[in-house]
Amino acid sequence: MSEEEPVATEVPVHTITAELATLANTARFGQLLYAEGEGLPHVYGDSLTTYKVGKLEAAGPVEEIEYIWTLNHHNRGQRVLYLERHLSITQSFIPLGAPIVATLAAPDARLENGMPALDEIRSFVVPAYAAFNMHRGCWHEVPTAVFPETPVLLTSHAAVTHGWAAIDTPGQINAGDVEKREVSLHLGVDLRWEIPAAIMATLGLAR
């Protein structure tokens, strides 16, 4: 080995056991959106059930609200590569047809080396019949598919996509309304999630 070649070091794996998202266990991070909330009357009467389940919020004027359509080709090996946050708006993850995993740390999470501490980071399985609306400033990984080829709809705004456009190569971002940090670089671990068999069975999913 030449002196110029770096010595490879193995990063320890830290695994989060994912929880099935509920109104109670996700309240610190945002709003679980599903068929429970403020009932609303409607001209269609009992042929349609309607609830006010949440709302998008913005801190001051926002240039424009956007919908971002993503297609998860695989689950990235169940790895949490980055955590990011947006301070200007709430952001919703809307699974289209299959469950997703949302890995989150609350806006007021304790930080270590500029990143939420490991014990502040949790993973939640959001079923296909629900969605999740994060608080402003909630740290998150881009939602991960439980199964390959799962589309997910995100609400966002122009300052987020402008932040993406500011990068030349994949990596950390600090531009627009995007503060995106690499987990292994800041916390020194290979962060992953796993879904317990009991949750898979509850949702009627086969491994």
C-alpha atoms as a PDB file:
ATOM      1  CA  MET A   1       0.000   0.000   0.000  1.00  0.00           C
ATOM      2  CA  SER A   2       1.381   3.395  -0.957  1.00  0.00           C
ATOM      3  CA  GLU A   3       1.520   6.238   1.548  1.00  0.00           C
ATOM      4  CA  GLU A   4      -1.063   8.131  -0.498  1.00  0.00           C
ATOM      5  CA  GLU A   5      -3.725   5.425  -0.143  1.00  0.00           C
ATOM      6  CA  PRO A   6      -6.115   5.986   2.790  1.00  0.00           C
ATOM      7  CA  VAL A   7      -6.616   3.215   5.295  1.00  0.00           C
ATOM      8  CA  ALA A   8     -10.170   1.893   5.097  1.00  0.00           C
ATOM      9  CA  THR A   9     -12.109   2.087   8.338  1.00  0.00           C
ATOM     10  CA  GLU A  10     -15.359   0.225   8.949  1.00  0.00           C
ATOM     11  CA  VAL A  11     -18.263   2.372  10.112  1.00  0.00           C
ATOM     12  CA  PRO A  12     -20.379   0.650  12.784  1.00  0.00           C
ATOM     13  CA  VAL A  13     -23.986  -0.146  11.895  1.00  0.00           C
ATOM     14  CA  HIS A  14     -26.709   1.390  14.071  1.00  0.00           C
ATOM     15  CA  THR A  15     -30.197   0.020  13.426  1.00  0.00           C
ATOM     16  CA  ILE A  16     -33.492   1.681  14.339  1.00  0.00           C
ATOM     17  CA  THR A  17     -36.503  -0.567  14.923  1.00  0.00           C
ATOM     18  CA  ALA A  18     -39.334   1.016  12.936  1.00  0.00           C
ATOM     19  CA  GLU A  19     -42.669   1.711  14.610  1.00  0.00           C
ATOM     20  CA  LEU A  20     -46.104   1.672  13.027  1.00  0.00           C
ATOM     21  CA  ALA A  21     -47.071   5.348  12.762  1.00  0.00           C
ATOM     22  CA  THR A  22     -49.935   6.477  15.006  1.00  0.00           C
ATOM     23  CA  LEU A  23     -51.351   9.866  15.937  1.00  0.00           C
ATOM     24  CA  ALA A  24     -49.719   9.618  19.368  1.00  0.00           C
ATOM     25  CA  ASN A  25     -46.207   8.431  18.515  1.00  0.00           C
ATOM     26  CA  THR A  26     -45.745  10.878  15.616  1.00  0.00           C
ATOM     27  CA  ALA A  27     -47.180  14.010  17.298  1.00  0.00           C
ATOM     28  CA  ARG A  28     -43.739  15.464  18.099  1.00  0.00           C
ATOM     29  CA  PHE A  29     -42.772  15.247  14.433  1.00  0.00           C
ATOM     30  CA  GLY A  30     -45.953  16.292  12.632  1.00  0.00           C
ATOM     31  CA  GLN A  31     -49.445  15.077  11.791  1.00  0.00           C
ATOM     32  CA  LEU A  32     -50.439  11.593  10.685  1.00  0.00           C
ATOM     33  CA  LEU A  33     -53.102  12.092   8.030  1.00  0.00           C
ATOM     34  CA  TYR A  34     -55.827   9.464   7.747  1.00  0.00           C
ATOM     35  CA  ALA A  35     -59.540   8.968   8.328  1.00  0.00           C
ATOM     36  CA  GLU A  36     -59.723  10.664  11.702  1.00  0.00           C
ATOM     37  CA  GLY A  37     -60.105  14.354  12.363  1.00  0.00           C
ATOM     38  CA  GLU A  38     -62.651  17.161  12.281  1.00  0.00           C
ATOM     39  CA  GLY A  39     -65.716  15.861  10.462  1.00  0.00           C
ATOM     40  CA  LEU A  40     -66.956  18.184   7.746  1.00  0.00           C
ATOM     41  CA  PRO A  41     -70.499  18.346   6.338  1.00  0.00           C
ATOM     42  CA  HIS A  42     -70.840  17.863   2.610  1.00  0.00           C
ATOM     43  CA  VAL A  43     -73.561  18.170  -0.002  1.00  0.00           C
ATOM     44  CA  TYR A  44     -73.230  14.438  -0.767  1.00  0.00           C
ATOM     45  CA  GLY A  45     -74.482  13.552   2.709  1.00  0.00           C
ATOM     46  CA  ASP A  46     -73.831  10.025   3.942  1.00  0.00           C
ATOM     47  CA  SER A  47     -72.400   8.890   0.597  1.00  0.00           C
ATOM     48  CA  LEU A  48     -69.141  10.694   1.361  1.00  0.00           C
ATOM     49  CA  THR A  49     -67.112  10.884   4.577  1.00  0.00           C
ATOM     50  CA  THR A  50     -64.948  14.000   4.849  1.00  0.00           C
ATOM     51  CA  TYR A  51     -62.422  15.011   7.509  1.00  0.00           C
ATOM     52  CA  LYS A  52     -60.141  17.978   8.002  1.00  0.00           C
ATOM     53  CA  VAL A  53     -57.008  16.025   8.946  1.00  0.00           C
ATOM     54  CA  GLY A  54     -54.227  18.633   8.761  1.00  0.00           C
ATOM     55  CA  LYS A  55     -52.973  21.735   7.017  1.00  0.00           C
ATOM     56  CA  LEU A  56     -49.921  23.036   5.199  1.00  0.00           C
ATOM     57  CA  GLU A  57     -48.220  25.928   6.969  1.00  0.00           C
ATOM     58  CA  ALA A  58     -45.626  28.460   5.890  1.00  0.00           C
ATOM     59  CA  ALA A  59     -43.423  30.891   7.788  1.00  0.00           C
ATOM     60  CA  GLY A  60     -43.926  34.108   5.856  1.00  0.00           C
ATOM     61  CA  PRO A  61     -44.416  34.401   2.093  1.00  0.00           C
ATOM     62  CA  VAL A  62     -43.551  31.289   0.078  1.00  0.00           C
ATOM     63  CA  GLU A  63     -42.725  31.677  -3.599  1.00  0.00           C
ATOM     64  CA  GLU A  64     -44.826  28.722  -4.712  1.00  0.00           C
ATOM     65  CA  ILE A  65     -46.046  25.405  -3.351  1.00  0.00           C
ATOM     66  CA  GLU A  66     -45.013  22.396  -5.419  1.00  0.00           C
ATOM     67  CA  TYR A  67     -45.839  18.712  -5.670  1.00  0.00           C
ATOM     68  CA  ILE A  68     -42.827  16.431  -6.108  1.00  0.00           C
ATOM     69  CA  TRP A  69     -43.418  12.921  -7.484  1.00  0.00           C
ATOM     70  CA  THR A  70     -40.727  10.393  -6.572  1.00  0.00           C
ATOM     71  CA  LEU A  71     -40.293   6.745  -7.522  1.00  0.00           C
ATOM     72  CA  ASN A  72     -38.366   4.560  -5.084  1.00  0.00           C
ATOM     73  CA  HIS A  73     -36.576   2.002  -7.270  1.00  0.00           C
ATOM     74  CA  HIS A  74     -35.361   0.174  -4.150  1.00  0.00           C
ATOM     75  CA  ASN A  75     -35.205   0.803  -0.420  1.00  0.00           C
ATOM     76  CA  ARG A  76     -31.535   1.936  -0.398  1.00  0.00           C
ATOM     77  CA  GLY A  77     -30.656  -1.150   1.622  1.00  0.00           C
ATOM     78  CA  GLN A  78     -32.787   0.227   4.473  1.00  0.00           C
ATOM     79  CA  ARG A  79     -30.092   2.851   5.012  1.00  0.00           C
ATOM     80  CA  VAL A  80     -30.581   6.399   6.265  1.00  0.00           C
ATOM     81  CA  LEU A  81     -27.969   8.293   4.273  1.00  0.00           C
ATOM     82  CA  TYR A  82     -28.925  11.892   5.052  1.00  0.00           C
ATOM     83  CA  LEU A  83     -31.154  13.955   7.317  1.00  0.00           C
ATOM     84  CA  GLU A  84     -32.464  17.302   6.131  1.00  0.00           C
ATOM     85  CA  ARG A  85     -34.859  19.990   7.271  1.00  0.00           C
ATOM     86  CA  HIS A  86     -36.871  22.846   5.804  1.00  0.00           C
ATOM     87  CA  LEU A  87     -37.688  25.860   7.972  1.00  0.00           C
ATOM     88  CA  SER A  88     -40.162  27.677   5.739  1.00  0.00           C
ATOM     89  CA  ILE A  89     -42.978  25.148   5.237  1.00  0.00           C
ATOM     90  CA  THR A  90     -44.523  21.957   6.473  1.00  0.00           C
ATOM     91  CA  GLN A  91     -43.975  19.048   4.096  1.00  0.00           C
ATOM     92  CA  SER A  92     -46.170  16.017   3.449  1.00  0.00           C
ATOM     93  CA  PHE A  93     -45.222  12.466   2.452  1.00  0.00           C
ATOM     94  CA  ILE A  94     -48.072  10.751   0.580  1.00  0.00           C
ATOM     95  CA  PRO A  95     -47.488   7.066  -0.296  1.00  0.00           C
ATOM     96  CA  LEU A  96     -49.184   5.932  -3.497  1.00  0.00           C
ATOM     97  CA  GLY A  97     -50.228   2.321  -3.148  1.00  0.00           C
ATOM     98  CA  ALA A  98     -47.701   0.864  -0.697  1.00  0.00           C
ATOM     99  CA  PRO A  99     -46.238   1.709   2.738  1.00  0.00           C
ATOM    100  CA  ILE A 100     -43.213   3.943   3.207  1.00  0.00           C
ATOM    101  CA  VAL A 101     -40.743   4.443   6.035  1.00  0.00           C
ATOM    102  CA  ALA A 102     -40.288   7.969   7.378  1.00  0.00           C
ATOM    103  CA  THR A 103     -37.116   8.463   9.426  1.00  0.00           C
ATOM    104  CA  LEU A 104     -37.478  11.610  11.525  1.00  0.00           C
ATOM    105  CA  ALA A 105     -36.036  13.758  14.295  1.00  0.00           C
ATOM    106  CA  ALA A 106     -38.141  16.492  15.874  1.00  0.00           C
ATOM    107  CA  PRO A 107     -37.421  20.179  15.184  1.00  0.00           C
ATOM    108  CA  ASP A 108     -36.212  20.566  18.785  1.00  0.00           C
ATOM    109  CA  ALA A 109     -34.071  17.409  18.729  1.00  0.00           C
ATOM    110  CA  ARG A 110     -30.807  17.502  20.680  1.00  0.00           C
ATOM    111  CA  LEU A 111     -27.919  17.944  18.258  1.00  0.00           C
ATOM    112  CA  GLU A 112     -24.523  16.274  18.275  1.00  0.00           C
ATOM    113  CA  ASN A 113     -21.900  17.465  15.799  1.00  0.00           C
ATOM    114  CA  GLY A 114     -24.551  19.443  13.934  1.00  0.00           C
ATOM    115  CA  MET A 115     -26.876  16.458  13.526  1.00  0.00           C
ATOM    116  CA  PRO A 116     -29.743  15.087  15.651  1.00  0.00           C
ATOM    117  CA  ALA A 117     -28.349  12.661  18.227  1.00  0.00           C
ATOM    118  CA  LEU A 118     -28.916   8.973  17.512  1.00  0.00           C
ATOM    119  CA  ASP A 119     -31.398   8.572  20.358  1.00  0.00           C
ATOM    120  CA  GLU A 120     -33.481  11.413  18.872  1.00  0.00           C
ATOM    121  CA  ILE A 121     -33.937   9.667  15.498  1.00  0.00           C
ATOM    122  CA  ARG A 122     -36.931   7.362  14.950  1.00  0.00           C
ATOM    123  CA  SER A 123     -38.371   5.488  11.991  1.00  0.00           C
ATOM    124  CA  PHE A 124     -42.089   5.073  11.326  1.00  0.00           C
ATOM    125  CA  VAL A 125     -43.974   2.876   8.879  1.00  0.00           C
ATOM    126  CA  VAL A 126     -46.646   5.007   7.192  1.00  0.00           C
ATOM    127  CA  PRO A 127     -49.309   2.655   5.766  1.00  0.00           C
ATOM    128  CA  ALA A 128     -50.597   3.058   2.228  1.00  0.00           C
ATOM    129  CA  TYR A 129     -53.956   4.257   3.606  1.00  0.00           C
ATOM    130  CA  ALA A 130     -52.370   7.246   5.393  1.00  0.00           C
ATOM    131  CA  ALA A 131     -49.916  10.102   4.834  1.00  0.00           C
ATOM    132  CA  PHE A 132     -47.692  12.225   7.052  1.00  0.00           C
ATOM    133  CA  ASN A 133     -47.335  16.011   7.312  1.00  0.00           C
ATOM    134  CA  MET A 134     -44.119  17.093   9.076  1.00  0.00           C
ATOM    135  CA  HIS A 135     -43.760  20.139  11.275  1.00  0.00           C
ATOM    136  CA  ARG A 136     -41.577  22.932   9.930  1.00  0.00           C
ATOM    137  CA  GLY A 137     -37.950  22.196  10.790  1.00  0.00           C
ATOM    138  CA  CYS A 138     -38.509  18.458  11.305  1.00  0.00           C
ATOM    139  CA  TRP A 139     -35.362  16.530  10.354  1.00  0.00           C
ATOM    140  CA  HIS A 140     -36.055  13.731   7.867  1.00  0.00           C
ATOM    141  CA  GLU A 141     -34.647  11.382   5.313  1.00  0.00           C
ATOM    142  CA  VAL A 142     -36.375  11.334   1.930  1.00  0.00           C
ATOM    143  CA  PRO A 143     -39.176   8.778   2.457  1.00  0.00           C
ATOM    144  CA  THR A 144     -38.046   5.240   1.756  1.00  0.00           C
ATOM    145  CA  ALA A 145     -40.064   2.547   0.026  1.00  0.00           C
ATOM    146  CA  VAL A 146     -40.842  -0.670   1.853  1.00  0.00           C
ATOM    147  CA  PHE A 147     -41.161  -2.284  -1.590  1.00  0.00           C
ATOM    148  CA  PRO A 148     -39.348  -1.381  -4.831  1.00  0.00           C
ATOM    149  CA  GLU A 149     -41.029   0.784  -7.465  1.00  0.00           C
ATOM    150  CA  THR A 150     -43.209   2.589  -4.928  1.00  0.00           C
ATOM    151  CA  PRO A 151     -44.233   6.110  -5.965  1.00  0.00           C
ATOM    152  CA  VAL A 152     -44.486   8.784  -3.285  1.00  0.00           C
ATOM    153  CA  LEU A 153     -45.946  12.273  -3.613  1.00  0.00           C
ATOM    154  CA  LEU A 154     -44.290  15.082  -1.631  1.00  0.00           C
ATOM    155  CA  THR A 155     -45.482  18.595  -1.011  1.00  0.00           C
ATOM    156  CA  SER A 156     -42.685  21.124  -1.219  1.00  0.00           C
ATOM    157  CA  HIS A 157     -41.876  24.605  -2.446  1.00  0.00           C
ATOM    158  CA  ALA A 158     -39.584  26.338  -4.900  1.00  0.00           C
ATOM    159  CA  ALA A 159     -36.833  27.172  -2.381  1.00  0.00           C
ATOM    160  CA  VAL A 160     -36.361  23.435  -1.758  1.00  0.00           C
ATOM    161  CA  THR A 161     -35.970  22.477  -5.402  1.00  0.00           C
ATOM    162  CA  HIS A 162     -33.748  25.536  -5.943  1.00  0.00           C
ATOM    163  CA  GLY A 163     -31.552  24.112  -3.173  1.00  0.00           C
ATOM    164  CA  TRP A 164     -31.335  20.793  -5.004  1.00  0.00           C
ATOM    165  CA  ALA A 165     -30.405  22.616  -8.202  1.00  0.00           C
ATOM    166  CA  ALA A 166     -27.474  24.282  -6.415  1.00  0.00           C
ATOM    167  CA  ILE A 167     -25.485  21.042  -6.096  1.00  0.00           C
ATOM    168  CA  ASP A 168     -23.126  19.637  -8.722  1.00  0.00           C
ATOM    169  CA  THR A 169     -22.626  16.194  -7.153  1.00  0.00           C
ATOM    170  CA  PRO A 170     -24.659  14.172  -4.624  1.00  0.00           C
ATOM    171  CA  GLY A 171     -23.910  15.133  -1.049  1.00  0.00           C
ATOM    172  CA  GLN A 172     -24.678  17.657   1.641  1.00  0.00           C
ATOM    173  CA  ILE A 173     -26.715  20.767   0.795  1.00  0.00           C
ATOM    174  CA  ASN A 174     -27.010  24.146   2.473  1.00  0.00           C
ATOM    175  CA  ALA A 175     -28.914  26.231  -0.030  1.00  0.00           C
ATOM    176  CA  GLY A 176     -32.415  27.618  -0.434  1.00  0.00           C
ATOM    177  CA  ASP A 177     -34.622  26.052   2.207  1.00  0.00           C
ATOM    178  CA  VAL A 178     -32.577  22.841   2.374  1.00  0.00           C
ATOM    179  CA  GLU A 179     -30.178  21.958   5.176  1.00  0.00           C
ATOM    180  CA  LYS A 180     -29.097  18.387   4.326  1.00  0.00           C
ATOM    181  CA  ARG A 181     -26.394  16.562   6.310  1.00  0.00           C
ATOM    182  CA  GLU A 182     -24.704  13.198   5.811  1.00  0.00           C
ATOM    183  CA  VAL A 183     -25.339  10.834   8.715  1.00  0.00           C
ATOM    184  CA  SER A 184     -22.082   8.851   8.593  1.00  0.00           C
ATOM    185  CA  LEU A 185     -20.008  12.016   8.356  1.00  0.00           C
ATOM    186  CA  HIS A 186     -21.615  13.674  11.400  1.00  0.00           C
ATOM    187  CA  LEU A 187     -22.546  10.699  13.598  1.00  0.00           C
ATOM    188  CA  GLY A 188     -19.938   8.143  12.549  1.00  0.00           C
ATOM    189  CA  VAL A 189     -22.409   5.298  11.969  1.00  0.00           C
ATOM    190  CA  ASP A 190     -24.075   3.465   9.109  1.00  0.00           C
ATOM    191  CA  LEU A 191     -27.685   4.195  10.120  1.00  0.00           C
ATOM    192  CA  ARG A 192     -30.371   1.732   9.075  1.00  0.00           C
ATOM    193  CA  TRP A 193     -33.958   0.801   9.880  1.00  0.00           C
ATOM    194  CA  GLU A 194     -35.728  -2.523  10.170  1.00  0.00           C
ATOM    195  CA  ILE A 195     -39.429  -3.358  10.291  1.00  0.00           C
ATOM    196  CA  PRO A 196     -40.455  -5.932  12.905  1.00  0.00           C
ATOM    197  CA  ALA A 197     -42.274  -9.007  11.614  1.00  0.00           C
ATOM    198  CA  ALA A 198     -45.284  -8.114  13.783  1.00  0.00           C
ATOM    199  CA  ILE A 199     -45.796  -4.821  11.920  1.00  0.00           C
ATOM    200  CA  MET A 200     -45.433  -6.533   8.554  1.00  0.00           C
ATOM    201  CA  ALA A 201     -48.093  -9.023   9.648  1.00  0.00           C
ATOM    202  CA  THR A 202     -50.374  -6.272  10.994  1.00  0.00           C
ATOM    203  CA  LEU A 203     -50.318  -4.574   7.599  1.00  0.00           C
ATOM    204  CA  GLY A 204     -50.794  -7.882   5.756  1.00  0.00           C
ATOM    205  CA  LEU A 205     -47.389  -7.600   4.101  1.00  0.00           C
ATOM    206  CA  ALA A 206     -45.122 -10.469   3.127  1.00  0.00           C
ATOM    207  CA  ARG A 207     -41.388 -10.177   3.618  1.00  0.00           C
END
